[in-house]
Amino acid sequence: MDIKSAEFVISSPTVEKCPQTQQPEYAFIGRSNVGKSSLINMLTGYNKLAKTSAMPGKTLLINHFLINKEWYLVDLPGYGYAKRGKKEQDNLKHMITNYVLKREQMLNLFVLIDVRHEPQRIDLDFIEFLGQNGIPFSLIFTKADKLSNGKVKSNVQAYLKHLLQDWEELPPYFVTSSESKQGRDEVLGYIEQINKDDVTEP
């Protein structure tokens, strides 16, 4: 897929405020500091599309970006940032849950996982929540450039093995690096295929 245009459209505090269109959406979510903004910029080829920050938990709204005038890339707030107050954490959780469960235009949710770390309970719980509610999702392992190829492969396999303790079938997954652009063609190709399948469905 060639990205010919990518433009910010709106930041919404609730799912009800999101754009009232029927164009397909692909949302990105993960723990704070997982490299979400850098990944979005890498995928689109626009270095300043999503704002990156040294401070985790920067994204506090549902951000819509229109790609190629055809589909939306949605940047969701990160979860699990402990330095937020409880009320703010609860508001973010409510915002995320409502979007994931109610947004019919969302055809896939990409859950970002830092490939450097062992499986984290907060990620596993969120993945379980998606499975229980029948939400279509994929995993994106980020920051692959921070480890050797062998370590990346072993960490990914260890993560998948852990998931198989509770899952009969594994979700699609991708290994990416915002620095080297590893995984870019695979992720965009996956989105392109879903778009084609969505158009051809009766």
N, C-alpha and C. Protein backbone atom coordinates (compact mmCIF):
# COMPACT_ATOMS: atom_id res chain seq x y z
N MET A 1 0.84 -1.20 0.00
CA MET A 1 0.00 0.00 0.00
C MET A 1 0.87 1.25 0.00
N ASP A 2 0.59 2.15 -0.90
CA ASP A 2 1.27 3.44 -0.93
C ASP A 2 0.47 4.45 -0.12
N ILE A 3 1.14 5.15 0.78
CA ILE A 3 0.48 6.21 1.54
C ILE A 3 0.69 7.52 0.79
N LYS A 4 -0.38 7.99 0.17
CA LYS A 4 -0.31 9.21 -0.63
C LYS A 4 -0.67 10.45 0.17
N SER A 5 -1.48 10.26 1.20
CA SER A 5 -1.85 11.39 2.04
C SER A 5 -2.22 10.89 3.43
N ALA A 6 -1.91 11.70 4.42
CA ALA A 6 -2.26 11.40 5.81
C ALA A 6 -2.49 12.72 6.52
N GLU A 7 -3.69 12.90 7.02
CA GLU A 7 -4.01 14.19 7.64
C GLU A 7 -4.77 14.00 8.94
N PHE A 8 -4.41 14.82 9.91
CA PHE A 8 -5.14 14.82 11.18
C PHE A 8 -6.53 15.38 10.96
N VAL A 9 -7.54 14.72 11.55
CA VAL A 9 -8.92 15.17 11.37
C VAL A 9 -9.51 15.74 12.65
N ILE A 10 -9.44 14.95 13.75
CA ILE A 10 -10.08 15.40 14.98
C ILE A 10 -9.59 14.60 16.17
N SER A 11 -9.59 15.25 17.33
CA SER A 11 -9.36 14.59 18.62
C SER A 11 -10.68 14.59 19.37
N SER A 12 -11.11 13.40 19.81
CA SER A 12 -12.43 13.28 20.43
C SER A 12 -12.32 12.77 21.87
N PRO A 13 -13.09 13.36 22.77
CA PRO A 13 -13.05 12.92 24.17
C PRO A 13 -13.91 11.68 24.44
N THR A 14 -14.84 11.38 23.54
CA THR A 14 -15.70 10.21 23.69
C THR A 14 -15.96 9.59 22.31
N VAL A 15 -16.41 8.35 22.31
CA VAL A 15 -16.69 7.68 21.04
C VAL A 15 -17.84 8.36 20.31
N GLU A 16 -18.75 8.97 21.07
CA GLU A 16 -19.89 9.65 20.45
C GLU A 16 -19.46 10.88 19.65
N LYS A 17 -18.30 11.43 19.98
CA LYS A 17 -17.80 12.62 19.30
C LYS A 17 -16.94 12.29 18.08
N CYS A 18 -16.70 11.00 17.85
CA CYS A 18 -15.86 10.59 16.72
C CYS A 18 -16.56 10.88 15.40
N PRO A 19 -15.82 10.95 14.29
CA PRO A 19 -16.41 11.27 12.99
C PRO A 19 -17.58 10.36 12.64
N GLN A 20 -18.63 10.94 12.15
CA GLN A 20 -19.83 10.18 11.78
C GLN A 20 -19.74 9.75 10.31
N THR A 21 -18.77 8.93 10.02
CA THR A 21 -18.61 8.40 8.67
C THR A 21 -18.64 6.88 8.73
N GLN A 22 -18.72 6.24 7.58
CA GLN A 22 -18.71 4.79 7.51
C GLN A 22 -17.39 4.24 6.98
N GLN A 23 -16.38 5.11 6.85
CA GLN A 23 -15.09 4.64 6.36
C GLN A 23 -14.42 3.75 7.41
N PRO A 24 -13.72 2.72 6.96
CA PRO A 24 -13.09 1.78 7.90
C PRO A 24 -12.04 2.45 8.76
N GLU A 25 -11.92 1.92 9.99
CA GLU A 25 -10.94 2.46 10.93
C GLU A 25 -10.04 1.34 11.45
N TYR A 26 -8.79 1.69 11.68
CA TYR A 26 -7.81 0.79 12.26
C TYR A 26 -7.18 1.51 13.45
N ALA A 27 -7.41 0.97 14.63
CA ALA A 27 -6.98 1.65 15.85
C ALA A 27 -5.69 1.03 16.39
N PHE A 28 -4.89 1.87 17.04
CA PHE A 28 -3.62 1.45 17.63
C PHE A 28 -3.64 1.77 19.12
N ILE A 29 -3.23 0.79 19.91
CA ILE A 29 -3.26 0.97 21.37
C ILE A 29 -2.13 0.16 21.99
N GLY A 30 -1.74 0.55 23.19
CA GLY A 30 -0.71 -0.19 23.91
C GLY A 30 -0.40 0.51 25.22
N ARG A 31 0.43 -0.13 26.01
CA ARG A 31 0.86 0.50 27.25
C ARG A 31 1.62 1.79 26.93
N SER A 32 1.62 2.69 27.88
CA SER A 32 2.35 3.94 27.70
C SER A 32 3.82 3.66 27.44
N ASN A 33 4.40 4.43 26.54
CA ASN A 33 5.81 4.34 26.18
C ASN A 33 6.17 3.09 25.37
N VAL A 34 5.18 2.54 24.68
CA VAL A 34 5.44 1.35 23.86
C VAL A 34 5.93 1.72 22.47
N GLY A 35 5.90 3.02 22.15
CA GLY A 35 6.37 3.48 20.84
C GLY A 35 5.26 3.65 19.82
N LYS A 36 4.07 3.96 20.30
CA LYS A 36 2.90 4.03 19.42
C LYS A 36 2.98 5.19 18.42
N SER A 37 3.30 6.38 18.92
CA SER A 37 3.37 7.53 18.03
C SER A 37 4.46 7.36 16.98
N SER A 38 5.61 6.85 17.39
CA SER A 38 6.70 6.61 16.45
C SER A 38 6.29 5.60 15.39
N LEU A 39 5.56 4.57 15.79
CA LEU A 39 5.10 3.56 14.84
C LEU A 39 4.13 4.16 13.83
N ILE A 40 3.18 4.97 14.31
CA ILE A 40 2.20 5.60 13.42
C ILE A 40 2.91 6.50 12.42
N ASN A 41 3.88 7.26 12.87
CA ASN A 41 4.63 8.13 11.96
C ASN A 41 5.41 7.30 10.94
N MET A 42 5.98 6.18 11.38
CA MET A 42 6.72 5.32 10.47
C MET A 42 5.80 4.70 9.42
N LEU A 43 4.64 4.23 9.84
CA LEU A 43 3.71 3.59 8.91
C LEU A 43 3.21 4.56 7.85
N THR A 44 2.91 5.78 8.27
CA THR A 44 2.34 6.76 7.34
C THR A 44 3.41 7.48 6.52
N GLY A 45 4.65 7.51 7.04
CA GLY A 45 5.70 8.24 6.35
C GLY A 45 5.69 9.72 6.66
N TYR A 46 4.85 10.12 7.62
CA TYR A 46 4.78 11.52 8.04
C TYR A 46 5.37 11.62 9.44
N ASN A 47 6.57 12.18 9.54
CA ASN A 47 7.31 12.13 10.80
C ASN A 47 6.67 12.85 11.97
N LYS A 48 5.81 13.81 11.67
CA LYS A 48 5.21 14.58 12.77
C LYS A 48 3.69 14.44 12.81
N LEU A 49 3.17 13.35 12.22
CA LEU A 49 1.72 13.17 12.21
C LEU A 49 1.20 12.95 13.62
N ALA A 50 1.76 11.95 14.30
CA ALA A 50 1.42 11.72 15.71
C ALA A 50 2.53 12.31 16.56
N LYS A 51 2.15 13.04 17.58
CA LYS A 51 3.14 13.72 18.40
C LYS A 51 3.82 12.74 19.35
N THR A 52 5.14 12.67 19.25
CA THR A 52 5.90 11.83 20.16
C THR A 52 6.34 12.66 21.35
N SER A 53 6.55 11.97 22.47
CA SER A 53 6.92 12.68 23.69
C SER A 53 7.80 11.79 24.55
N ALA A 54 8.73 12.41 25.26
CA ALA A 54 9.56 11.67 26.20
C ALA A 54 8.73 11.28 27.43
N MET A 55 7.61 11.96 27.64
CA MET A 55 6.76 11.66 28.78
C MET A 55 5.69 10.65 28.37
N PRO A 56 5.66 9.48 29.01
CA PRO A 56 4.64 8.49 28.67
C PRO A 56 3.24 9.02 28.96
N GLY A 57 2.26 8.45 28.26
CA GLY A 57 0.87 8.81 28.54
C GLY A 57 0.45 10.12 27.94
N LYS A 58 1.08 10.54 26.84
CA LYS A 58 0.78 11.85 26.24
C LYS A 58 -0.59 11.87 25.58
N THR A 59 -0.97 10.77 24.92
CA THR A 59 -2.24 10.73 24.21
C THR A 59 -3.39 10.58 25.20
N LEU A 60 -4.30 11.54 25.22
CA LEU A 60 -5.41 11.52 26.17
C LEU A 60 -6.77 11.55 25.47
N LEU A 61 -6.76 11.59 24.14
CA LEU A 61 -8.00 11.65 23.37
C LEU A 61 -7.95 10.61 22.26
N ILE A 62 -9.09 10.41 21.61
CA ILE A 62 -9.18 9.51 20.45
C ILE A 62 -8.83 10.34 19.22
N ASN A 63 -7.68 10.07 18.62
CA ASN A 63 -7.20 10.88 17.50
C ASN A 63 -7.42 10.17 16.17
N HIS A 64 -8.13 10.83 15.27
CA HIS A 64 -8.41 10.28 13.95
C HIS A 64 -7.52 10.93 12.88
N PHE A 65 -6.88 10.08 12.07
CA PHE A 65 -6.09 10.53 10.93
C PHE A 65 -6.65 9.88 9.67
N LEU A 66 -6.95 10.68 8.66
CA LEU A 66 -7.51 10.16 7.41
C LEU A 66 -6.36 9.81 6.46
N ILE A 67 -6.34 8.55 6.04
CA ILE A 67 -5.26 8.04 5.19
C ILE A 67 -5.77 7.81 3.77
N ASN A 68 -5.09 8.41 2.81
CA ASN A 68 -5.44 8.26 1.38
C ASN A 68 -6.91 8.60 1.09
N LYS A 69 -7.51 9.42 1.94
CA LYS A 69 -8.92 9.81 1.79
C LYS A 69 -9.86 8.61 1.84
N GLU A 70 -9.34 7.45 2.30
CA GLU A 70 -10.11 6.21 2.22
C GLU A 70 -10.40 5.56 3.56
N TRP A 71 -9.46 5.63 4.49
CA TRP A 71 -9.65 4.97 5.78
C TRP A 71 -8.97 5.77 6.89
N TYR A 72 -9.41 5.47 8.11
CA TYR A 72 -8.89 6.20 9.25
C TYR A 72 -7.90 5.35 10.06
N LEU A 73 -6.82 5.97 10.43
CA LEU A 73 -5.92 5.42 11.43
C LEU A 73 -6.27 6.12 12.74
N VAL A 74 -6.52 5.35 13.78
CA VAL A 74 -6.99 5.92 15.04
C VAL A 74 -5.95 5.67 16.14
N ASP A 75 -5.50 6.74 16.73
CA ASP A 75 -4.52 6.69 17.81
C ASP A 75 -5.27 6.77 19.14
N LEU A 76 -5.30 5.65 19.86
CA LEU A 76 -6.02 5.61 21.14
C LEU A 76 -5.07 5.89 22.30
N PRO A 77 -5.59 6.40 23.42
CA PRO A 77 -4.74 6.62 24.59
C PRO A 77 -4.09 5.32 25.05
N GLY A 78 -2.87 5.43 25.58
CA GLY A 78 -2.22 4.27 26.15
C GLY A 78 -2.85 3.91 27.50
N TYR A 79 -2.66 2.68 27.90
CA TYR A 79 -3.21 2.26 29.20
C TYR A 79 -2.07 1.92 30.15
N GLY A 80 -2.38 1.98 31.45
CA GLY A 80 -1.43 1.53 32.44
C GLY A 80 -0.40 2.56 32.87
N TYR A 81 -0.68 3.84 32.65
CA TYR A 81 0.28 4.85 33.09
C TYR A 81 -0.04 5.24 34.53
N ALA A 82 0.74 4.71 35.47
CA ALA A 82 0.41 4.78 36.89
C ALA A 82 0.42 6.20 37.46
N LYS A 83 1.15 7.12 36.83
CA LYS A 83 1.27 8.46 37.40
C LYS A 83 0.04 9.33 37.14
N ARG A 84 -0.90 8.82 36.36
CA ARG A 84 -2.17 9.53 36.23
C ARG A 84 -2.98 9.32 37.50
N GLY A 85 -3.80 10.33 37.84
CA GLY A 85 -4.68 10.18 38.99
C GLY A 85 -5.74 9.12 38.70
N LYS A 86 -6.34 8.58 39.75
CA LYS A 86 -7.32 7.50 39.57
C LYS A 86 -8.50 7.94 38.71
N LYS A 87 -8.97 9.18 38.92
CA LYS A 87 -10.10 9.66 38.13
C LYS A 87 -9.74 9.72 36.66
N GLU A 88 -8.53 10.22 36.36
CA GLU A 88 -8.11 10.31 34.97
C GLU A 88 -7.91 8.93 34.37
N GLN A 89 -7.35 8.01 35.16
CA GLN A 89 -7.19 6.63 34.69
C GLN A 89 -8.55 6.00 34.38
N ASP A 90 -9.52 6.23 35.26
CA ASP A 90 -10.86 5.69 35.06
C ASP A 90 -11.50 6.28 33.80
N ASN A 91 -11.29 7.58 33.58
CA ASN A 91 -11.85 8.23 32.39
C ASN A 91 -11.25 7.66 31.11
N LEU A 92 -9.93 7.44 31.13
CA LEU A 92 -9.26 6.87 29.96
C LEU A 92 -9.73 5.45 29.70
N LYS A 93 -9.87 4.67 30.77
CA LYS A 93 -10.34 3.29 30.61
C LYS A 93 -11.74 3.27 30.02
N HIS A 94 -12.60 4.18 30.51
CA HIS A 94 -13.97 4.26 30.00
C HIS A 94 -13.97 4.67 28.52
N MET A 95 -13.12 5.63 28.17
CA MET A 95 -13.02 6.09 26.78
C MET A 95 -12.58 4.96 25.87
N ILE A 96 -11.53 4.25 26.27
CA ILE A 96 -11.00 3.15 25.46
C ILE A 96 -12.02 2.04 25.31
N THR A 97 -12.63 1.63 26.42
CA THR A 97 -13.59 0.54 26.40
C THR A 97 -14.77 0.86 25.50
N ASN A 98 -15.29 2.07 25.60
CA ASN A 98 -16.43 2.47 24.78
C ASN A 98 -16.08 2.46 23.30
N TYR A 99 -14.91 2.97 22.98
CA TYR A 99 -14.51 2.97 21.56
C TYR A 99 -14.39 1.54 21.05
N VAL A 100 -13.68 0.71 21.77
CA VAL A 100 -13.43 -0.66 21.32
C VAL A 100 -14.73 -1.46 21.16
N LEU A 101 -15.65 -1.27 22.09
CA LEU A 101 -16.88 -2.06 22.07
C LEU A 101 -17.96 -1.49 21.16
N LYS A 102 -17.97 -0.17 20.96
CA LYS A 102 -19.09 0.46 20.28
C LYS A 102 -18.78 0.94 18.86
N ARG A 103 -17.53 1.10 18.52
CA ARG A 103 -17.18 1.70 17.23
C ARG A 103 -17.25 0.66 16.12
N GLU A 104 -18.37 0.60 15.44
CA GLU A 104 -18.58 -0.41 14.41
C GLU A 104 -17.66 -0.24 13.22
N GLN A 105 -17.17 0.98 13.00
CA GLN A 105 -16.29 1.23 11.85
C GLN A 105 -14.89 0.63 12.06
N MET A 106 -14.55 0.29 13.30
CA MET A 106 -13.23 -0.26 13.57
C MET A 106 -13.16 -1.71 13.10
N LEU A 107 -12.33 -1.95 12.09
CA LEU A 107 -12.22 -3.30 11.53
C LEU A 107 -11.11 -4.10 12.18
N ASN A 108 -10.14 -3.43 12.81
CA ASN A 108 -9.07 -4.14 13.50
C ASN A 108 -8.41 -3.23 14.52
N LEU A 109 -8.08 -3.82 15.66
CA LEU A 109 -7.36 -3.10 16.70
C LEU A 109 -5.96 -3.68 16.80
N PHE A 110 -4.96 -2.84 16.59
CA PHE A 110 -3.57 -3.27 16.71
C PHE A 110 -3.11 -3.02 18.14
N VAL A 111 -2.75 -4.08 18.84
CA VAL A 111 -2.26 -3.98 20.21
C VAL A 111 -0.73 -4.03 20.19
N LEU A 112 -0.10 -2.97 20.66
CA LEU A 112 1.35 -2.87 20.59
C LEU A 112 2.01 -3.47 21.83
N ILE A 113 3.04 -4.25 21.61
CA ILE A 113 3.77 -4.92 22.67
C ILE A 113 5.27 -4.61 22.51
N ASP A 114 5.91 -4.15 23.56
CA ASP A 114 7.36 -3.91 23.52
C ASP A 114 8.07 -5.26 23.53
N VAL A 115 8.75 -5.58 22.44
CA VAL A 115 9.34 -6.90 22.27
C VAL A 115 10.47 -7.16 23.27
N ARG A 116 10.95 -6.15 23.93
CA ARG A 116 12.07 -6.32 24.87
C ARG A 116 11.65 -6.95 26.19
N HIS A 117 10.34 -6.92 26.48
CA HIS A 117 9.89 -7.33 27.81
C HIS A 117 9.16 -8.67 27.80
N GLU A 118 9.16 -9.32 28.95
CA GLU A 118 8.36 -10.53 29.13
C GLU A 118 6.88 -10.14 29.14
N PRO A 119 5.98 -11.10 28.92
CA PRO A 119 4.55 -10.79 28.94
C PRO A 119 4.14 -10.06 30.21
N GLN A 120 3.46 -8.94 30.03
CA GLN A 120 3.00 -8.13 31.15
C GLN A 120 1.52 -8.41 31.41
N ARG A 121 1.17 -8.50 32.67
CA ARG A 121 -0.21 -8.84 33.04
C ARG A 121 -1.20 -7.84 32.47
N ILE A 122 -0.86 -6.57 32.45
CA ILE A 122 -1.80 -5.55 31.97
C ILE A 122 -2.12 -5.77 30.48
N ASP A 123 -1.11 -6.17 29.70
CA ASP A 123 -1.35 -6.47 28.29
C ASP A 123 -2.18 -7.74 28.13
N LEU A 124 -1.83 -8.76 28.89
CA LEU A 124 -2.54 -10.05 28.80
C LEU A 124 -4.00 -9.89 29.18
N ASP A 125 -4.26 -9.08 30.20
CA ASP A 125 -5.66 -8.84 30.62
C ASP A 125 -6.44 -8.12 29.53
N PHE A 126 -5.77 -7.15 28.87
CA PHE A 126 -6.45 -6.40 27.81
C PHE A 126 -6.73 -7.31 26.62
N ILE A 127 -5.77 -8.15 26.27
CA ILE A 127 -5.96 -9.10 25.17
C ILE A 127 -7.10 -10.07 25.50
N GLU A 128 -7.16 -10.51 26.74
CA GLU A 128 -8.25 -11.41 27.15
C GLU A 128 -9.60 -10.71 27.03
N PHE A 129 -9.65 -9.44 27.42
CA PHE A 129 -10.87 -8.65 27.29
C PHE A 129 -11.32 -8.58 25.83
N LEU A 130 -10.38 -8.39 24.91
CA LEU A 130 -10.71 -8.33 23.49
C LEU A 130 -11.29 -9.68 23.03
N GLY A 131 -10.65 -10.76 23.45
CA GLY A 131 -11.13 -12.08 23.06
C GLY A 131 -12.52 -12.38 23.60
N GLN A 132 -12.76 -12.03 24.84
CA GLN A 132 -14.07 -12.28 25.45
C GLN A 132 -15.18 -11.52 24.75
N ASN A 133 -14.85 -10.37 24.16
CA ASN A 133 -15.86 -9.54 23.51
C ASN A 133 -15.85 -9.66 21.99
N GLY A 134 -15.05 -10.60 21.47
CA GLY A 134 -15.04 -10.85 20.03
C GLY A 134 -14.53 -9.69 19.20
N ILE A 135 -13.58 -8.93 19.74
CA ILE A 135 -13.02 -7.78 19.03
C ILE A 135 -11.90 -8.26 18.11
N PRO A 136 -11.95 -7.95 16.81
CA PRO A 136 -10.86 -8.33 15.91
C PRO A 136 -9.59 -7.54 16.24
N PHE A 137 -8.50 -8.25 16.49
CA PHE A 137 -7.27 -7.55 16.85
C PHE A 137 -6.05 -8.30 16.34
N SER A 138 -4.94 -7.58 16.30
CA SER A 138 -3.64 -8.14 15.92
C SER A 138 -2.61 -7.60 16.90
N LEU A 139 -1.49 -8.28 16.98
CA LEU A 139 -0.40 -7.83 17.84
C LEU A 139 0.71 -7.21 16.99
N ILE A 140 1.27 -6.12 17.48
CA ILE A 140 2.44 -5.53 16.86
C ILE A 140 3.55 -5.47 17.91
N PHE A 141 4.61 -6.22 17.69
CA PHE A 141 5.77 -6.16 18.58
C PHE A 141 6.66 -5.01 18.11
N THR A 142 6.89 -4.05 18.99
CA THR A 142 7.63 -2.85 18.63
C THR A 142 9.09 -2.91 19.11
N LYS A 143 9.89 -1.97 18.63
CA LYS A 143 11.28 -1.74 19.06
C LYS A 143 12.19 -2.93 18.78
N ALA A 144 11.97 -3.59 17.64
CA ALA A 144 12.79 -4.75 17.29
C ALA A 144 14.25 -4.38 17.08
N ASP A 145 14.51 -3.11 16.75
CA ASP A 145 15.90 -2.69 16.52
C ASP A 145 16.71 -2.62 17.80
N LYS A 146 16.04 -2.70 18.95
CA LYS A 146 16.74 -2.60 20.23
C LYS A 146 17.39 -3.92 20.65
N LEU A 147 17.07 -5.01 19.95
CA LEU A 147 17.59 -6.34 20.29
C LEU A 147 18.19 -7.00 19.05
N SER A 148 18.95 -8.04 19.25
CA SER A 148 19.45 -8.83 18.13
C SER A 148 18.30 -9.58 17.49
N ASN A 149 18.45 -9.98 16.24
CA ASN A 149 17.39 -10.71 15.55
C ASN A 149 17.03 -11.99 16.29
N GLY A 150 18.05 -12.68 16.80
CA GLY A 150 17.79 -13.92 17.53
C GLY A 150 16.98 -13.69 18.79
N LYS A 151 17.31 -12.63 19.52
CA LYS A 151 16.58 -12.32 20.76
C LYS A 151 15.15 -11.89 20.45
N VAL A 152 14.97 -11.15 19.38
CA VAL A 152 13.61 -10.76 18.97
C VAL A 152 12.77 -11.99 18.71
N LYS A 153 13.31 -12.92 17.93
CA LYS A 153 12.57 -14.14 17.59
C LYS A 153 12.23 -14.96 18.82
N SER A 154 13.19 -15.10 19.72
CA SER A 154 12.94 -15.90 20.92
C SER A 154 11.92 -15.23 21.83
N ASN A 155 11.97 -13.90 21.94
CA ASN A 155 11.00 -13.19 22.78
C ASN A 155 9.60 -13.28 22.20
N VAL A 156 9.48 -13.16 20.88
CA VAL A 156 8.17 -13.26 20.23
C VAL A 156 7.61 -14.67 20.43
N GLN A 157 8.42 -15.68 20.22
CA GLN A 157 7.96 -17.05 20.38
C GLN A 157 7.56 -17.35 21.82
N ALA A 158 8.30 -16.79 22.77
CA ALA A 158 7.96 -16.97 24.18
C ALA A 158 6.62 -16.32 24.49
N TYR A 159 6.37 -15.16 23.88
CA TYR A 159 5.11 -14.45 24.10
C TYR A 159 3.94 -15.26 23.52
N LEU A 160 4.12 -15.75 22.31
CA LEU A 160 3.07 -16.53 21.66
C LEU A 160 2.80 -17.82 22.42
N LYS A 161 3.85 -18.44 22.92
CA LYS A 161 3.70 -19.66 23.70
C LYS A 161 2.89 -19.40 24.96
N HIS A 162 3.14 -18.23 25.57
CA HIS A 162 2.38 -17.84 26.76
C HIS A 162 0.89 -17.68 26.42
N LEU A 163 0.62 -17.04 25.28
CA LEU A 163 -0.77 -16.84 24.86
C LEU A 163 -1.49 -18.17 24.62
N LEU A 164 -0.76 -19.15 24.11
CA LEU A 164 -1.36 -20.44 23.80
C LEU A 164 -1.83 -21.19 25.05
N GLN A 165 -1.44 -20.72 26.21
CA GLN A 165 -1.94 -21.32 27.44
C GLN A 165 -3.45 -21.07 27.59
N ASP A 166 -3.92 -19.96 27.00
CA ASP A 166 -5.33 -19.59 27.13
C ASP A 166 -6.06 -19.49 25.79
N TRP A 167 -5.31 -19.44 24.70
CA TRP A 167 -5.91 -19.24 23.39
C TRP A 167 -5.73 -20.49 22.53
N GLU A 168 -6.80 -20.89 21.86
CA GLU A 168 -6.71 -22.02 20.93
C GLU A 168 -6.06 -21.60 19.62
N GLU A 169 -6.28 -20.35 19.24
CA GLU A 169 -5.74 -19.83 17.99
C GLU A 169 -5.09 -18.48 18.25
N LEU A 170 -3.91 -18.29 17.72
CA LEU A 170 -3.20 -17.04 17.93
C LEU A 170 -3.68 -15.96 16.98
N PRO A 171 -3.68 -14.70 17.42
CA PRO A 171 -4.03 -13.59 16.52
C PRO A 171 -2.88 -13.34 15.55
N PRO A 172 -3.16 -12.66 14.45
CA PRO A 172 -2.07 -12.25 13.56
C PRO A 172 -1.08 -11.38 14.33
N TYR A 173 0.19 -11.43 13.97
CA TYR A 173 1.17 -10.60 14.67
C TYR A 173 2.24 -10.10 13.70
N PHE A 174 2.83 -8.98 14.07
CA PHE A 174 3.84 -8.34 13.25
C PHE A 174 4.99 -7.88 14.14
N VAL A 175 6.19 -7.90 13.60
CA VAL A 175 7.38 -7.43 14.31
C VAL A 175 7.85 -6.16 13.61
N THR A 176 7.99 -5.08 14.36
CA THR A 176 8.27 -3.78 13.74
C THR A 176 9.42 -3.03 14.43
N SER A 177 9.95 -2.09 13.69
CA SER A 177 10.91 -1.13 14.22
C SER A 177 10.65 0.21 13.56
N SER A 178 10.40 1.22 14.36
CA SER A 178 10.18 2.55 13.80
C SER A 178 11.46 3.13 13.23
N GLU A 179 12.59 2.66 13.72
CA GLU A 179 13.89 3.15 13.25
C GLU A 179 14.24 2.58 11.87
N SER A 180 14.11 1.27 11.71
CA SER A 180 14.51 0.62 10.45
C SER A 180 13.35 0.43 9.48
N LYS A 181 12.14 0.74 9.95
CA LYS A 181 10.91 0.56 9.16
C LYS A 181 10.57 -0.92 8.94
N GLN A 182 11.16 -1.78 9.75
CA GLN A 182 10.82 -3.20 9.69
C GLN A 182 9.33 -3.39 9.98
N GLY A 183 8.67 -4.22 9.18
CA GLY A 183 7.27 -4.53 9.40
C GLY A 183 6.29 -3.57 8.75
N ARG A 184 6.78 -2.49 8.18
CA ARG A 184 5.88 -1.48 7.61
C ARG A 184 5.03 -2.06 6.49
N ASP A 185 5.67 -2.73 5.53
CA ASP A 185 4.94 -3.28 4.39
C ASP A 185 3.94 -4.34 4.85
N GLU A 186 4.31 -5.11 5.85
CA GLU A 186 3.43 -6.19 6.32
C GLU A 186 2.17 -5.62 6.99
N VAL A 187 2.34 -4.63 7.83
CA VAL A 187 1.18 -4.03 8.52
C VAL A 187 0.27 -3.33 7.53
N LEU A 188 0.85 -2.53 6.64
CA LEU A 188 0.03 -1.82 5.65
C LEU A 188 -0.63 -2.79 4.67
N GLY A 189 0.07 -3.86 4.33
CA GLY A 189 -0.52 -4.88 3.46
C GLY A 189 -1.70 -5.57 4.12
N TYR A 190 -1.59 -5.79 5.42
CA TYR A 190 -2.68 -6.41 6.17
C TYR A 190 -3.92 -5.50 6.17
N ILE A 191 -3.70 -4.21 6.40
CA ILE A 191 -4.80 -3.25 6.36
C ILE A 191 -5.43 -3.22 4.97
N GLU A 192 -4.59 -3.21 3.95
CA GLU A 192 -5.08 -3.17 2.56
C GLU A 192 -5.95 -4.39 2.26
N GLN A 193 -5.53 -5.55 2.74
CA GLN A 193 -6.29 -6.77 2.49
C GLN A 193 -7.64 -6.74 3.19
N ILE A 194 -7.67 -6.26 4.43
CA ILE A 194 -8.94 -6.15 5.15
C ILE A 194 -9.87 -5.18 4.44
N ASN A 195 -9.32 -4.07 3.96
CA ASN A 195 -10.14 -3.11 3.21
C ASN A 195 -10.76 -3.74 1.99
N LYS A 196 -9.97 -4.53 1.26
CA LYS A 196 -10.49 -5.21 0.06
C LYS A 196 -11.57 -6.21 0.42
N ASP A 197 -11.34 -6.97 1.48
CA ASP A 197 -12.33 -7.96 1.91
C ASP A 197 -13.61 -7.28 2.38
N ASP A 198 -13.48 -6.12 3.02
CA ASP A 198 -14.65 -5.39 3.52
C ASP A 198 -15.49 -4.88 2.36
N VAL A 199 -14.84 -4.45 1.29
CA VAL A 199 -15.55 -3.94 0.12
C VAL A 199 -16.28 -5.05 -0.62
N THR A 200 -15.67 -6.23 -0.66
CA THR A 200 -16.26 -7.34 -1.43
C THR A 200 -17.32 -8.11 -0.67
N GLU A 201 -17.42 -7.88 0.64
CA GLU A 201 -18.46 -8.59 1.40
C GLU A 201 -19.84 -8.12 0.95
N PRO A 202 -20.80 -9.06 0.90
CA PRO A 202 -22.16 -8.69 0.45
C PRO A 202 -22.85 -7.82 1.47
